[in-house]
């Protein structure tokens, strides 16, 4: 009789579908995690203001109306969208203890995060192709990398990421979530959400793996190939000045690409190896949503001479007018 009651209780629990998730934040440090709110808020404000400044400068300065800077402008929009998808919810969690998130809102956030991460990866590939043609095929650059190319490449990347990531939230929504609804995270990561399901989530893991290797893997592979060809071409230049100039145009791209993919690869390894320090995974996810958007425009402003000069001119005029 006791066994029957226990089985009935277990059956009733398994049939309960939770109506919302609770985002607990950093695992193990819930009592003092609010101290992270100030640096995260400052990084978010830096990301918004720096990227908006980049967009204004590119729009207003005719000399920057070039494919390379168009891609930089698109990257700025993607960065702001990515950070804004995540940071307001994190700050509301830290400041107002707003931890609850409905299932539809959670799955929507999951979808948008995947879209923006894939879009950023795709734009980095487009920027690598732009630099490859500019350095390795300079005479053909004006006929290949046109405004039409920028538009088509951006549309293809947008369609790729918006369509192919649709199954991610759909598959997650098809899982059955019973009793446990606390996510040890600040956002609705696929692994964090599906790990709460009471049924088999193998299909989710398989699709996530296919998506990562097909898109992120191919983007990274082609980006590495582009820069390998660029390096091979640059090393054949006789002039040290020409070599330095060619490499300087790629330095800012490489710094951002290395930072972006390093965090992605480290997070993937951490998930695959089931590292027993979950706070590291959560911290990397949070930093990945705000540090690259804040860092990208700063690196470009410092490393790109042409952009740096225009920014200095704009700021100088603004200070004089005041």
C-alpha atoms as a PDB file:
ATOM      1  CA  UNK A   1       0.000   0.000   0.000  1.00  0.00           C
ATOM      2  CA  UNK A   2       2.804   2.367   0.915  1.00  0.00           C
ATOM      3  CA  UNK A   3       4.544   1.588  -2.371  1.00  0.00           C
ATOM      4  CA  UNK A   4       1.345   2.334  -4.312  1.00  0.00           C
ATOM      5  CA  UNK A   5       0.950   5.711  -2.575  1.00  0.00           C
ATOM      6  CA  UNK A   6       4.576   6.585  -3.304  1.00  0.00           C
ATOM      7  CA  UNK A   7       4.143   5.636  -6.956  1.00  0.00           C
ATOM      8  CA  UNK A   8       0.932   7.707  -7.162  1.00  0.00           C
ATOM      9  CA  UNK A   9       2.661  10.702  -5.578  1.00  0.00           C
ATOM     10  CA  UNK A  10       5.588  10.393  -7.995  1.00  0.00           C
ATOM     11  CA  UNK A  11       3.153  10.147 -10.911  1.00  0.00           C
ATOM     12  CA  UNK A  12       1.290  13.288  -9.804  1.00  0.00           C
ATOM     13  CA  UNK A  13       4.534  15.218  -9.420  1.00  0.00           C
ATOM     14  CA  UNK A  14       5.743  14.127 -12.848  1.00  0.00           C
ATOM     15  CA  UNK A  15       2.463  15.358 -14.388  1.00  0.00           C
ATOM     16  CA  UNK A  16       2.850  18.868 -12.942  1.00  0.00           C
ATOM     17  CA  UNK A  17       4.088  21.382 -15.501  1.00  0.00           C
ATOM     18  CA  UNK A  18       5.835  24.404 -14.010  1.00  0.00           C
ATOM     19  CA  UNK A  19       4.500  27.790 -15.142  1.00  0.00           C
ATOM     20  CA  UNK A  20       7.705  29.771 -14.684  1.00  0.00           C
ATOM     21  CA  UNK A  21      11.428  29.440 -14.080  1.00  0.00           C
ATOM     22  CA  UNK A  22      13.402  31.112 -11.297  1.00  0.00           C
ATOM     23  CA  UNK A  23      16.776  32.540 -12.372  1.00  0.00           C
ATOM     24  CA  UNK A  24      18.903  32.110  -9.262  1.00  0.00           C
ATOM     25  CA  UNK A  25      22.053  33.793 -10.619  1.00  0.00           C
ATOM     26  CA  UNK A  26      25.589  32.812  -9.671  1.00  0.00           C
ATOM     27  CA  UNK A  27      25.627  29.352  -8.041  1.00  0.00           C
ATOM     28  CA  UNK A  28      26.870  29.346  -4.453  1.00  0.00           C
ATOM     29  CA  UNK A  29      27.077  33.123  -3.950  1.00  0.00           C
ATOM     30  CA  UNK A  30      23.408  34.186  -4.013  1.00  0.00           C
ATOM     31  CA  UNK A  31      23.743  36.255  -0.823  1.00  0.00           C
ATOM     32  CA  UNK A  32      26.349  38.693  -2.186  1.00  0.00           C
ATOM     33  CA  UNK A  33      26.032  38.439  -5.968  1.00  0.00           C
ATOM     34  CA  UNK A  34      24.384  41.926  -6.036  1.00  0.00           C
ATOM     35  CA  UNK A  35      27.887  43.405  -5.809  1.00  0.00           C
ATOM     36  CA  UNK A  36      28.370  42.373  -9.451  1.00  0.00           C
ATOM     37  CA  UNK A  37      25.570  44.730 -10.524  1.00  0.00           C
ATOM     38  CA  UNK A  38      27.684  47.911 -10.670  1.00  0.00           C
ATOM     39  CA  UNK A  39      30.496  46.601 -12.937  1.00  0.00           C
ATOM     40  CA  UNK A  40      27.931  44.844 -15.151  1.00  0.00           C
ATOM     41  CA  UNK A  41      25.811  48.015 -15.415  1.00  0.00           C
ATOM     42  CA  UNK A  42      28.900  50.087 -16.293  1.00  0.00           C
ATOM     43  CA  UNK A  43      29.943  47.565 -18.953  1.00  0.00           C
ATOM     44  CA  UNK A  44      26.416  47.626 -20.400  1.00  0.00           C
ATOM     45  CA  UNK A  45      26.382  51.442 -20.531  1.00  0.00           C
ATOM     46  CA  UNK A  46      29.831  51.400 -22.151  1.00  0.00           C
ATOM     47  CA  UNK A  47      28.617  48.873 -24.732  1.00  0.00           C
ATOM     48  CA  UNK A  48      25.571  51.002 -25.632  1.00  0.00           C
ATOM     49  CA  UNK A  49      27.325  54.381 -25.693  1.00  0.00           C
ATOM     50  CA  UNK A  50      30.451  53.190 -27.540  1.00  0.00           C
ATOM     51  CA  UNK A  51      28.488  51.321 -30.224  1.00  0.00           C
ATOM     52  CA  UNK A  52      26.058  54.218 -30.703  1.00  0.00           C
ATOM     53  CA  UNK A  53      29.056  56.556 -31.103  1.00  0.00           C
ATOM     54  CA  UNK A  54      30.573  54.212 -33.699  1.00  0.00           C
ATOM     55  CA  UNK A  55      27.292  54.175 -35.670  1.00  0.00           C
ATOM     56  CA  UNK A  56      26.983  57.989 -35.557  1.00  0.00           C
ATOM     57  CA  UNK A  57      30.584  58.483 -36.713  1.00  0.00           C
ATOM     58  CA  UNK A  58      30.257  55.974 -39.587  1.00  0.00           C
ATOM     59  CA  UNK A  59      26.985  57.595 -40.673  1.00  0.00           C
ATOM     60  CA  UNK A  60      28.282  61.180 -40.543  1.00  0.00           C
ATOM     61  CA  UNK A  61      31.779  60.694 -41.997  1.00  0.00           C
ATOM     62  CA  UNK A  62      31.822  60.129 -45.803  1.00  0.00           C
ATOM     63  CA  UNK A  63      35.374  58.683 -45.721  1.00  0.00           C
ATOM     64  CA  UNK A  64      34.051  55.789 -43.628  1.00  0.00           C
ATOM     65  CA  UNK A  65      31.368  54.832 -46.138  1.00  0.00           C
ATOM     66  CA  UNK A  66      33.270  51.673 -47.050  1.00  0.00           C
ATOM     67  CA  UNK A  67      32.337  47.975 -46.759  1.00  0.00           C
ATOM     68  CA  UNK A  68      34.746  47.392 -43.860  1.00  0.00           C
ATOM     69  CA  UNK A  69      33.032  50.093 -41.781  1.00  0.00           C
ATOM     70  CA  UNK A  70      29.559  48.997 -42.881  1.00  0.00           C
ATOM     71  CA  UNK A  71      30.323  45.573 -41.404  1.00  0.00           C
ATOM     72  CA  UNK A  72      31.599  47.291 -38.261  1.00  0.00           C
ATOM     73  CA  UNK A  73      28.309  49.196 -38.039  1.00  0.00           C
ATOM     74  CA  UNK A  74      26.320  45.960 -38.433  1.00  0.00           C
ATOM     75  CA  UNK A  75      28.474  44.382 -35.715  1.00  0.00           C
ATOM     76  CA  UNK A  76      27.672  47.354 -33.447  1.00  0.00           C
ATOM     77  CA  UNK A  77      23.918  46.811 -33.950  1.00  0.00           C
ATOM     78  CA  UNK A  78      24.276  43.070 -33.256  1.00  0.00           C
ATOM     79  CA  UNK A  79      26.340  43.758 -30.125  1.00  0.00           C
ATOM     80  CA  UNK A  80      23.761  46.193 -28.739  1.00  0.00           C
ATOM     81  CA  UNK A  81      20.946  43.754 -29.482  1.00  0.00           C
ATOM     82  CA  UNK A  82      22.804  40.870 -27.840  1.00  0.00           C
ATOM     83  CA  UNK A  83      23.635  42.840 -24.687  1.00  0.00           C
ATOM     84  CA  UNK A  84      20.109  44.280 -24.435  1.00  0.00           C
ATOM     85  CA  UNK A  85      18.555  40.815 -24.707  1.00  0.00           C
ATOM     86  CA  UNK A  86      20.326  39.759 -21.524  1.00  0.00           C
ATOM     87  CA  UNK A  87      21.599  42.644 -19.378  1.00  0.00           C
ATOM     88  CA  UNK A  88      18.292  44.376 -18.363  1.00  0.00           C
ATOM     89  CA  UNK A  89      16.999  41.036 -17.017  1.00  0.00           C
ATOM     90  CA  UNK A  90      20.270  40.406 -15.144  1.00  0.00           C
ATOM     91  CA  UNK A  91      20.249  43.892 -13.593  1.00  0.00           C
ATOM     92  CA  UNK A  92      16.555  43.567 -12.635  1.00  0.00           C
ATOM     93  CA  UNK A  93      17.434  40.260 -10.979  1.00  0.00           C
ATOM     94  CA  UNK A  94      20.307  41.823  -9.009  1.00  0.00           C
ATOM     95  CA  UNK A  95      18.634  45.133  -8.097  1.00  0.00           C
ATOM     96  CA  UNK A  96      14.956  44.211  -7.646  1.00  0.00           C
ATOM     97  CA  UNK A  97      15.186  40.458  -7.017  1.00  0.00           C
ATOM     98  CA  UNK A  98      13.089  39.906 -10.177  1.00  0.00           C
ATOM     99  CA  UNK A  99      14.082  36.286 -10.627  1.00  0.00           C
ATOM    100  CA  UNK A 100      10.910  34.840 -12.164  1.00  0.00           C
ATOM    101  CA  UNK A 101      10.625  34.399 -15.926  1.00  0.00           C
ATOM    102  CA  UNK A 102       7.677  32.785 -17.732  1.00  0.00           C
ATOM    103  CA  UNK A 103       8.269  29.775 -19.964  1.00  0.00           C
ATOM    104  CA  UNK A 104       7.416  31.612 -23.240  1.00  0.00           C
ATOM    105  CA  UNK A 105       9.679  34.535 -22.269  1.00  0.00           C
ATOM    106  CA  UNK A 106      12.453  32.112 -21.363  1.00  0.00           C
ATOM    107  CA  UNK A 107      12.233  30.227 -24.667  1.00  0.00           C
ATOM    108  CA  UNK A 108      12.114  33.527 -26.585  1.00  0.00           C
ATOM    109  CA  UNK A 109      15.255  34.729 -24.804  1.00  0.00           C
ATOM    110  CA  UNK A 110      16.939  31.417 -25.639  1.00  0.00           C
ATOM    111  CA  UNK A 111      16.082  31.872 -29.323  1.00  0.00           C
ATOM    112  CA  UNK A 112      17.239  35.508 -29.521  1.00  0.00           C
ATOM    113  CA  UNK A 113      20.541  34.707 -27.776  1.00  0.00           C
ATOM    114  CA  UNK A 114      21.273  31.961 -30.322  1.00  0.00           C
ATOM    115  CA  UNK A 115      20.382  34.321 -33.181  1.00  0.00           C
ATOM    116  CA  UNK A 116      22.698  37.090 -32.005  1.00  0.00           C
ATOM    117  CA  UNK A 117      25.628  34.784 -31.205  1.00  0.00           C
ATOM    118  CA  UNK A 118      25.334  33.164 -34.637  1.00  0.00           C
ATOM    119  CA  UNK A 119      24.971  36.578 -36.279  1.00  0.00           C
ATOM    120  CA  UNK A 120      28.114  37.888 -34.595  1.00  0.00           C
ATOM    121  CA  UNK A 121      30.045  34.826 -35.717  1.00  0.00           C
ATOM    122  CA  UNK A 122      28.777  35.333 -39.273  1.00  0.00           C
ATOM    123  CA  UNK A 123      29.704  39.032 -39.337  1.00  0.00           C
ATOM    124  CA  UNK A 124      33.235  38.183 -38.160  1.00  0.00           C
ATOM    125  CA  UNK A 125      33.482  35.800 -41.129  1.00  0.00           C
ATOM    126  CA  UNK A 126      32.284  38.534 -43.500  1.00  0.00           C
ATOM    127  CA  UNK A 127      34.887  40.918 -42.086  1.00  0.00           C
ATOM    128  CA  UNK A 128      37.597  38.283 -42.561  1.00  0.00           C
ATOM    129  CA  UNK A 129      36.555  37.800 -46.212  1.00  0.00           C
ATOM    130  CA  UNK A 130      36.572  41.584 -46.681  1.00  0.00           C
ATOM    131  CA  UNK A 131      40.178  41.803 -45.394  1.00  0.00           C
ATOM    132  CA  UNK A 132      41.238  38.773 -47.467  1.00  0.00           C
ATOM    133  CA  UNK A 133      40.024  40.328 -50.712  1.00  0.00           C
ATOM    134  CA  UNK A 134      41.454  43.755 -49.778  1.00  0.00           C
ATOM    135  CA  UNK A 135      44.950  42.357 -49.125  1.00  0.00           C
ATOM    136  CA  UNK A 136      45.204  39.304 -51.376  1.00  0.00           C
ATOM    137  CA  UNK A 137      43.108  40.567 -54.321  1.00  0.00           C
ATOM    138  CA  UNK A 138      43.414  44.381 -54.070  1.00  0.00           C
ATOM    139  CA  UNK A 139      42.714  45.089 -57.761  1.00  0.00           C
ATOM    140  CA  UNK A 140      39.478  43.106 -57.647  1.00  0.00           C
ATOM    141  CA  UNK A 141      38.357  44.487 -54.276  1.00  0.00           C
ATOM    142  CA  UNK A 142      36.136  47.339 -55.644  1.00  0.00           C
ATOM    143  CA  UNK A 143      34.292  44.930 -57.953  1.00  0.00           C
ATOM    144  CA  UNK A 144      33.837  42.127 -55.374  1.00  0.00           C
ATOM    145  CA  UNK A 145      33.275  43.848 -52.028  1.00  0.00           C
ATOM    146  CA  UNK A 146      30.540  46.293 -52.954  1.00  0.00           C
ATOM    147  CA  UNK A 147      27.613  47.753 -51.020  1.00  0.00           C
ATOM    148  CA  UNK A 148      25.483  45.074 -52.678  1.00  0.00           C
ATOM    149  CA  UNK A 149      27.818  42.393 -51.300  1.00  0.00           C
ATOM    150  CA  UNK A 150      27.478  43.838 -47.782  1.00  0.00           C
ATOM    151  CA  UNK A 151      23.671  43.801 -48.005  1.00  0.00           C
ATOM    152  CA  UNK A 152      23.507  40.277 -49.460  1.00  0.00           C
ATOM    153  CA  UNK A 153      26.004  38.857 -46.939  1.00  0.00           C
ATOM    154  CA  UNK A 154      24.113  40.441 -44.038  1.00  0.00           C
ATOM    155  CA  UNK A 155      20.736  39.159 -45.274  1.00  0.00           C
ATOM    156  CA  UNK A 156      22.133  35.631 -45.764  1.00  0.00           C
ATOM    157  CA  UNK A 157      23.600  35.613 -42.248  1.00  0.00           C
ATOM    158  CA  UNK A 158      20.363  36.974 -40.764  1.00  0.00           C
ATOM    159  CA  UNK A 159      18.224  34.355 -42.544  1.00  0.00           C
ATOM    160  CA  UNK A 160      20.650  31.568 -41.636  1.00  0.00           C
ATOM    161  CA  UNK A 161      20.528  32.370 -37.936  1.00  0.00           C
ATOM    162  CA  UNK A 162      16.840  33.275 -37.587  1.00  0.00           C
ATOM    163  CA  UNK A 163      15.618  30.170 -39.444  1.00  0.00           C
ATOM    164  CA  UNK A 164      18.076  27.497 -38.333  1.00  0.00           C
ATOM    165  CA  UNK A 165      17.843  28.351 -34.628  1.00  0.00           C
ATOM    166  CA  UNK A 166      14.023  28.039 -34.534  1.00  0.00           C
ATOM    167  CA  UNK A 167      14.208  24.334 -33.511  1.00  0.00           C
ATOM    168  CA  UNK A 168      16.255  25.222 -30.386  1.00  0.00           C
ATOM    169  CA  UNK A 169      13.385  26.814 -28.384  1.00  0.00           C
ATOM    170  CA  UNK A 170      10.783  24.537 -29.984  1.00  0.00           C
ATOM    171  CA  UNK A 171      12.628  21.398 -28.864  1.00  0.00           C
ATOM    172  CA  UNK A 172      13.164  22.928 -25.414  1.00  0.00           C
ATOM    173  CA  UNK A 173       9.453  23.791 -25.139  1.00  0.00           C
ATOM    174  CA  UNK A 174       8.516  20.197 -25.978  1.00  0.00           C
ATOM    175  CA  UNK A 175      10.279  18.902 -22.874  1.00  0.00           C
ATOM    176  CA  UNK A 176       8.223  18.292 -19.729  1.00  0.00           C
ATOM    177  CA  UNK A 177       9.279  20.426 -16.737  1.00  0.00           C
ATOM    178  CA  UNK A 178       8.010  19.053 -13.442  1.00  0.00           C
ATOM    179  CA  UNK A 179       8.617  20.177  -9.836  1.00  0.00           C
ATOM    180  CA  UNK A 180      12.127  21.662 -10.339  1.00  0.00           C
ATOM    181  CA  UNK A 181      12.096  25.181 -11.798  1.00  0.00           C
ATOM    182  CA  UNK A 182      15.174  26.874 -10.336  1.00  0.00           C
ATOM    183  CA  UNK A 183      17.877  27.643 -12.913  1.00  0.00           C
ATOM    184  CA  UNK A 184      21.334  28.260 -11.480  1.00  0.00           C
ATOM    185  CA  UNK A 185      21.945  31.011 -14.019  1.00  0.00           C
ATOM    186  CA  UNK A 186      21.060  34.606 -14.937  1.00  0.00           C
ATOM    187  CA  UNK A 187      19.695  33.697 -18.359  1.00  0.00           C
ATOM    188  CA  UNK A 188      17.838  30.923 -20.148  1.00  0.00           C
ATOM    189  CA  UNK A 189      20.729  28.917 -21.529  1.00  0.00           C
ATOM    190  CA  UNK A 190      19.698  25.792 -23.421  1.00  0.00           C
ATOM    191  CA  UNK A 191      21.629  23.467 -21.127  1.00  0.00           C
ATOM    192  CA  UNK A 192      20.426  25.201 -17.958  1.00  0.00           C
ATOM    193  CA  UNK A 193      16.765  24.954 -18.994  1.00  0.00           C
ATOM    194  CA  UNK A 194      16.666  21.477 -20.541  1.00  0.00           C
ATOM    195  CA  UNK A 195      18.588  19.993 -17.594  1.00  0.00           C
ATOM    196  CA  UNK A 196      15.422  20.635 -15.526  1.00  0.00           C
ATOM    197  CA  UNK A 197      13.230  18.512 -17.797  1.00  0.00           C
ATOM    198  CA  UNK A 198      11.861  15.215 -16.527  1.00  0.00           C
ATOM    199  CA  UNK A 199      12.075  13.429 -19.878  1.00  0.00           C
ATOM    200  CA  UNK A 200      14.787  12.559 -22.364  1.00  0.00           C
ATOM    201  CA  UNK A 201      16.617  15.562 -23.856  1.00  0.00           C
ATOM    202  CA  UNK A 202      18.965  13.710 -26.211  1.00  0.00           C
ATOM    203  CA  UNK A 203      17.435  15.338 -29.304  1.00  0.00           C
ATOM    204  CA  UNK A 204      18.124  18.793 -27.822  1.00  0.00           C
ATOM    205  CA  UNK A 205      21.793  17.951 -27.234  1.00  0.00           C
ATOM    206  CA  UNK A 206      22.173  16.481 -30.730  1.00  0.00           C
ATOM    207  CA  UNK A 207      20.646  19.497 -32.468  1.00  0.00           C
ATOM    208  CA  UNK A 208      22.702  21.891 -30.325  1.00  0.00           C
ATOM    209  CA  UNK A 209      25.867  20.013 -31.336  1.00  0.00           C
ATOM    210  CA  UNK A 210      24.932  20.013 -35.033  1.00  0.00           C
ATOM    211  CA  UNK A 211      24.139  23.738 -34.911  1.00  0.00           C
ATOM    212  CA  UNK A 212      27.432  24.563 -33.190  1.00  0.00           C
ATOM    213  CA  UNK A 213      29.620  22.535 -35.535  1.00  0.00           C
ATOM    214  CA  UNK A 214      27.754  23.447 -38.730  1.00  0.00           C
ATOM    215  CA  UNK A 215      27.643  27.213 -38.248  1.00  0.00           C
ATOM    216  CA  UNK A 216      30.085  28.295 -35.554  1.00  0.00           C
ATOM    217  CA  UNK A 217      32.577  25.619 -36.595  1.00  0.00           C
ATOM    218  CA  UNK A 218      32.414  26.500 -40.296  1.00  0.00           C
ATOM    219  CA  UNK A 219      32.560  30.251 -39.544  1.00  0.00           C
ATOM    220  CA  UNK A 220      35.663  29.763 -37.398  1.00  0.00           C
ATOM    221  CA  UNK A 221      37.300  27.438 -39.931  1.00  0.00           C
ATOM    222  CA  UNK A 222      36.754  29.834 -42.855  1.00  0.00           C
ATOM    223  CA  UNK A 223      37.869  32.804 -40.740  1.00  0.00           C
ATOM    224  CA  UNK A 224      41.116  31.020 -39.809  1.00  0.00           C
ATOM    225  CA  UNK A 225      41.634  30.072 -43.467  1.00  0.00           C
ATOM    226  CA  UNK A 226      41.113  33.706 -44.561  1.00  0.00           C
ATOM    227  CA  UNK A 227      43.708  35.014 -42.112  1.00  0.00           C
ATOM    228  CA  UNK A 228      46.136  32.194 -42.954  1.00  0.00           C
ATOM    229  CA  UNK A 229      45.944  33.240 -46.633  1.00  0.00           C
ATOM    230  CA  UNK A 230      46.344  36.882 -45.611  1.00  0.00           C
ATOM    231  CA  UNK A 231      49.454  36.053 -43.570  1.00  0.00           C
ATOM    232  CA  UNK A 232      50.880  34.006 -46.436  1.00  0.00           C
ATOM    233  CA  UNK A 233      50.292  36.911 -48.836  1.00  0.00           C
ATOM    234  CA  UNK A 234      51.730  39.521 -46.455  1.00  0.00           C
ATOM    235  CA  UNK A 235      54.916  37.529 -45.819  1.00  0.00           C
ATOM    236  CA  UNK A 236      55.655  37.639 -49.562  1.00  0.00           C
ATOM    237  CA  UNK A 237      55.687  41.463 -49.583  1.00  0.00           C
ATOM    238  CA  UNK A 238      59.132  42.967 -50.076  1.00  0.00           C
ATOM    239  CA  UNK A 239      58.399  46.231 -48.301  1.00  0.00           C
ATOM    240  CA  UNK A 240      58.376  46.184 -44.498  1.00  0.00           C
ATOM    241  CA  UNK A 241      56.158  49.284 -44.532  1.00  0.00           C
ATOM    242  CA  UNK A 242      53.597  47.605 -46.811  1.00  0.00           C
ATOM    243  CA  UNK A 243      53.672  44.506 -44.594  1.00  0.00           C
ATOM    244  CA  UNK A 244      53.104  46.595 -41.468  1.00  0.00           C
ATOM    245  CA  UNK A 245      50.237  48.516 -43.079  1.00  0.00           C
ATOM    246  CA  UNK A 246      48.550  45.320 -44.275  1.00  0.00           C
ATOM    247  CA  UNK A 247      48.809  43.661 -40.871  1.00  0.00           C
ATOM    248  CA  UNK A 248      47.615  46.766 -39.003  1.00  0.00           C
ATOM    249  CA  UNK A 249      44.254  46.650 -40.792  1.00  0.00           C
ATOM    250  CA  UNK A 250      43.746  43.084 -39.534  1.00  0.00           C
ATOM    251  CA  UNK A 251      44.967  43.481 -35.955  1.00  0.00           C
ATOM    252  CA  UNK A 252      41.702  44.829 -34.546  1.00  0.00           C
ATOM    253  CA  UNK A 253      39.704  42.088 -36.311  1.00  0.00           C
ATOM    254  CA  UNK A 254      41.971  39.361 -34.953  1.00  0.00           C
ATOM    255  CA  UNK A 255      41.800  40.643 -31.358  1.00  0.00           C
ATOM    256  CA  UNK A 256      37.986  40.649 -31.390  1.00  0.00           C
ATOM    257  CA  UNK A 257      37.685  37.301 -33.181  1.00  0.00           C
ATOM    258  CA  UNK A 258      40.143  35.598 -30.824  1.00  0.00           C
ATOM    259  CA  UNK A 259      38.332  36.973 -27.767  1.00  0.00           C
ATOM    260  CA  UNK A 260      34.885  35.985 -29.081  1.00  0.00           C
ATOM    261  CA  UNK A 261      35.794  32.429 -30.075  1.00  0.00           C
ATOM    262  CA  UNK A 262      38.030  31.810 -27.047  1.00  0.00           C
ATOM    263  CA  UNK A 263      35.100  32.360 -24.683  1.00  0.00           C
ATOM    264  CA  UNK A 264      32.779  30.259 -26.886  1.00  0.00           C
ATOM    265  CA  UNK A 265      35.292  27.384 -27.023  1.00  0.00           C
ATOM    266  CA  UNK A 266      36.008  27.537 -23.276  1.00  0.00           C
ATOM    267  CA  UNK A 267      32.249  27.469 -22.521  1.00  0.00           C
ATOM    268  CA  UNK A 268      31.785  24.500 -24.874  1.00  0.00           C
ATOM    269  CA  UNK A 269      34.635  22.584 -23.232  1.00  0.00           C
ATOM    270  CA  UNK A 270      33.272  23.397 -19.772  1.00  0.00           C
ATOM    271  CA  UNK A 271      29.817  22.053 -20.725  1.00  0.00           C
ATOM    272  CA  UNK A 272      31.226  18.949 -22.476  1.00  0.00           C
ATOM    273  CA  UNK A 273      33.619  18.097 -19.643  1.00  0.00           C
ATOM    274  CA  UNK A 274      30.878  18.679 -17.025  1.00  0.00           C
ATOM    275  CA  UNK A 275      33.165  20.895 -14.961  1.00  0.00           C
ATOM    276  CA  UNK A 276      32.144  20.800 -11.302  1.00  0.00           C
ATOM    277  CA  UNK A 277      32.481  24.569 -10.792  1.00  0.00           C
ATOM    278  CA  UNK A 278      29.179  25.849 -12.280  1.00  0.00           C
ATOM    279  CA  UNK A 279      29.904  29.457 -11.278  1.00  0.00           C
ATOM    280  CA  UNK A 280      32.672  29.525 -13.925  1.00  0.00           C
ATOM    281  CA  UNK A 281      30.213  28.561 -16.672  1.00  0.00           C
ATOM    282  CA  UNK A 282      27.659  31.164 -15.536  1.00  0.00           C
ATOM    283  CA  UNK A 283      30.306  33.882 -15.213  1.00  0.00           C
ATOM    284  CA  UNK A 284      31.641  33.155 -18.716  1.00  0.00           C
ATOM    285  CA  UNK A 285      28.102  33.287 -20.152  1.00  0.00           C
ATOM    286  CA  UNK A 286      27.379  36.619 -18.483  1.00  0.00           C
ATOM    287  CA  UNK A 287      30.729  38.147 -19.491  1.00  0.00           C
ATOM    288  CA  UNK A 288      30.283  36.887 -23.045  1.00  0.00           C
ATOM    289  CA  UNK A 289      27.024  38.844 -23.297  1.00  0.00           C
ATOM    290  CA  UNK A 290      28.494  42.191 -22.246  1.00  0.00           C
ATOM    291  CA  UNK A 291      32.303  42.248 -22.567  1.00  0.00           C
ATOM    292  CA  UNK A 292      32.589  41.750 -26.382  1.00  0.00           C
ATOM    293  CA  UNK A 293      29.908  44.410 -27.082  1.00  0.00           C
ATOM    294  CA  UNK A 294      31.815  46.839 -24.827  1.00  0.00           C
ATOM    295  CA  UNK A 295      35.240  45.778 -26.096  1.00  0.00           C
ATOM    296  CA  UNK A 296      34.610  45.705 -29.868  1.00  0.00           C
ATOM    297  CA  UNK A 297      34.190  49.467 -30.472  1.00  0.00           C
ATOM    298  CA  UNK A 298      36.991  50.328 -28.019  1.00  0.00           C
ATOM    299  CA  UNK A 299      39.475  48.025 -29.776  1.00  0.00           C
ATOM    300  CA  UNK A 300      38.514  49.427 -33.175  1.00  0.00           C
ATOM    301  CA  UNK A 301      38.845  53.006 -31.925  1.00  0.00           C
ATOM    302  CA  UNK A 302      42.331  52.270 -30.579  1.00  0.00           C
ATOM    303  CA  UNK A 303      43.731  50.004 -33.306  1.00  0.00           C
ATOM    304  CA  UNK A 304      42.156  51.474 -36.469  1.00  0.00           C
ATOM    305  CA  UNK A 305      44.010  54.663 -37.414  1.00  0.00           C
ATOM    306  CA  UNK A 306      41.367  56.024 -39.802  1.00  0.00           C
ATOM    307  CA  UNK A 307      38.519  55.510 -37.333  1.00  0.00           C
ATOM    308  CA  UNK A 308      40.605  56.909 -34.485  1.00  0.00           C
ATOM    309  CA  UNK A 309      41.328  60.102 -36.419  1.00  0.00           C
ATOM    310  CA  UNK A 310      37.647  60.604 -37.297  1.00  0.00           C
ATOM    311  CA  UNK A 311      36.582  60.012 -33.685  1.00  0.00           C
ATOM    312  CA  UNK A 312      39.159  62.535 -32.501  1.00  0.00           C
ATOM    313  CA  UNK A 313      37.901  65.076 -35.048  1.00  0.00           C
ATOM    314  CA  UNK A 314      34.255  64.554 -34.064  1.00  0.00           C
ATOM    315  CA  UNK A 315      34.992  64.820 -30.342  1.00  0.00           C
ATOM    316  CA  UNK A 316      37.168  67.901 -30.916  1.00  0.00           C
ATOM    317  CA  UNK A 317      34.402  69.662 -32.833  1.00  0.00           C
ATOM    318  CA  UNK A 318      31.858  68.698 -30.162  1.00  0.00           C
ATOM    319  CA  UNK A 319      34.052  70.077 -27.350  1.00  0.00           C
ATOM    320  CA  UNK A 320      34.628  73.345 -29.228  1.00  0.00           C
ATOM    321  CA  UNK A 321      30.914  73.796 -29.926  1.00  0.00           C
ATOM    322  CA  UNK A 322      30.205  73.524 -26.200  1.00  0.00           C
END
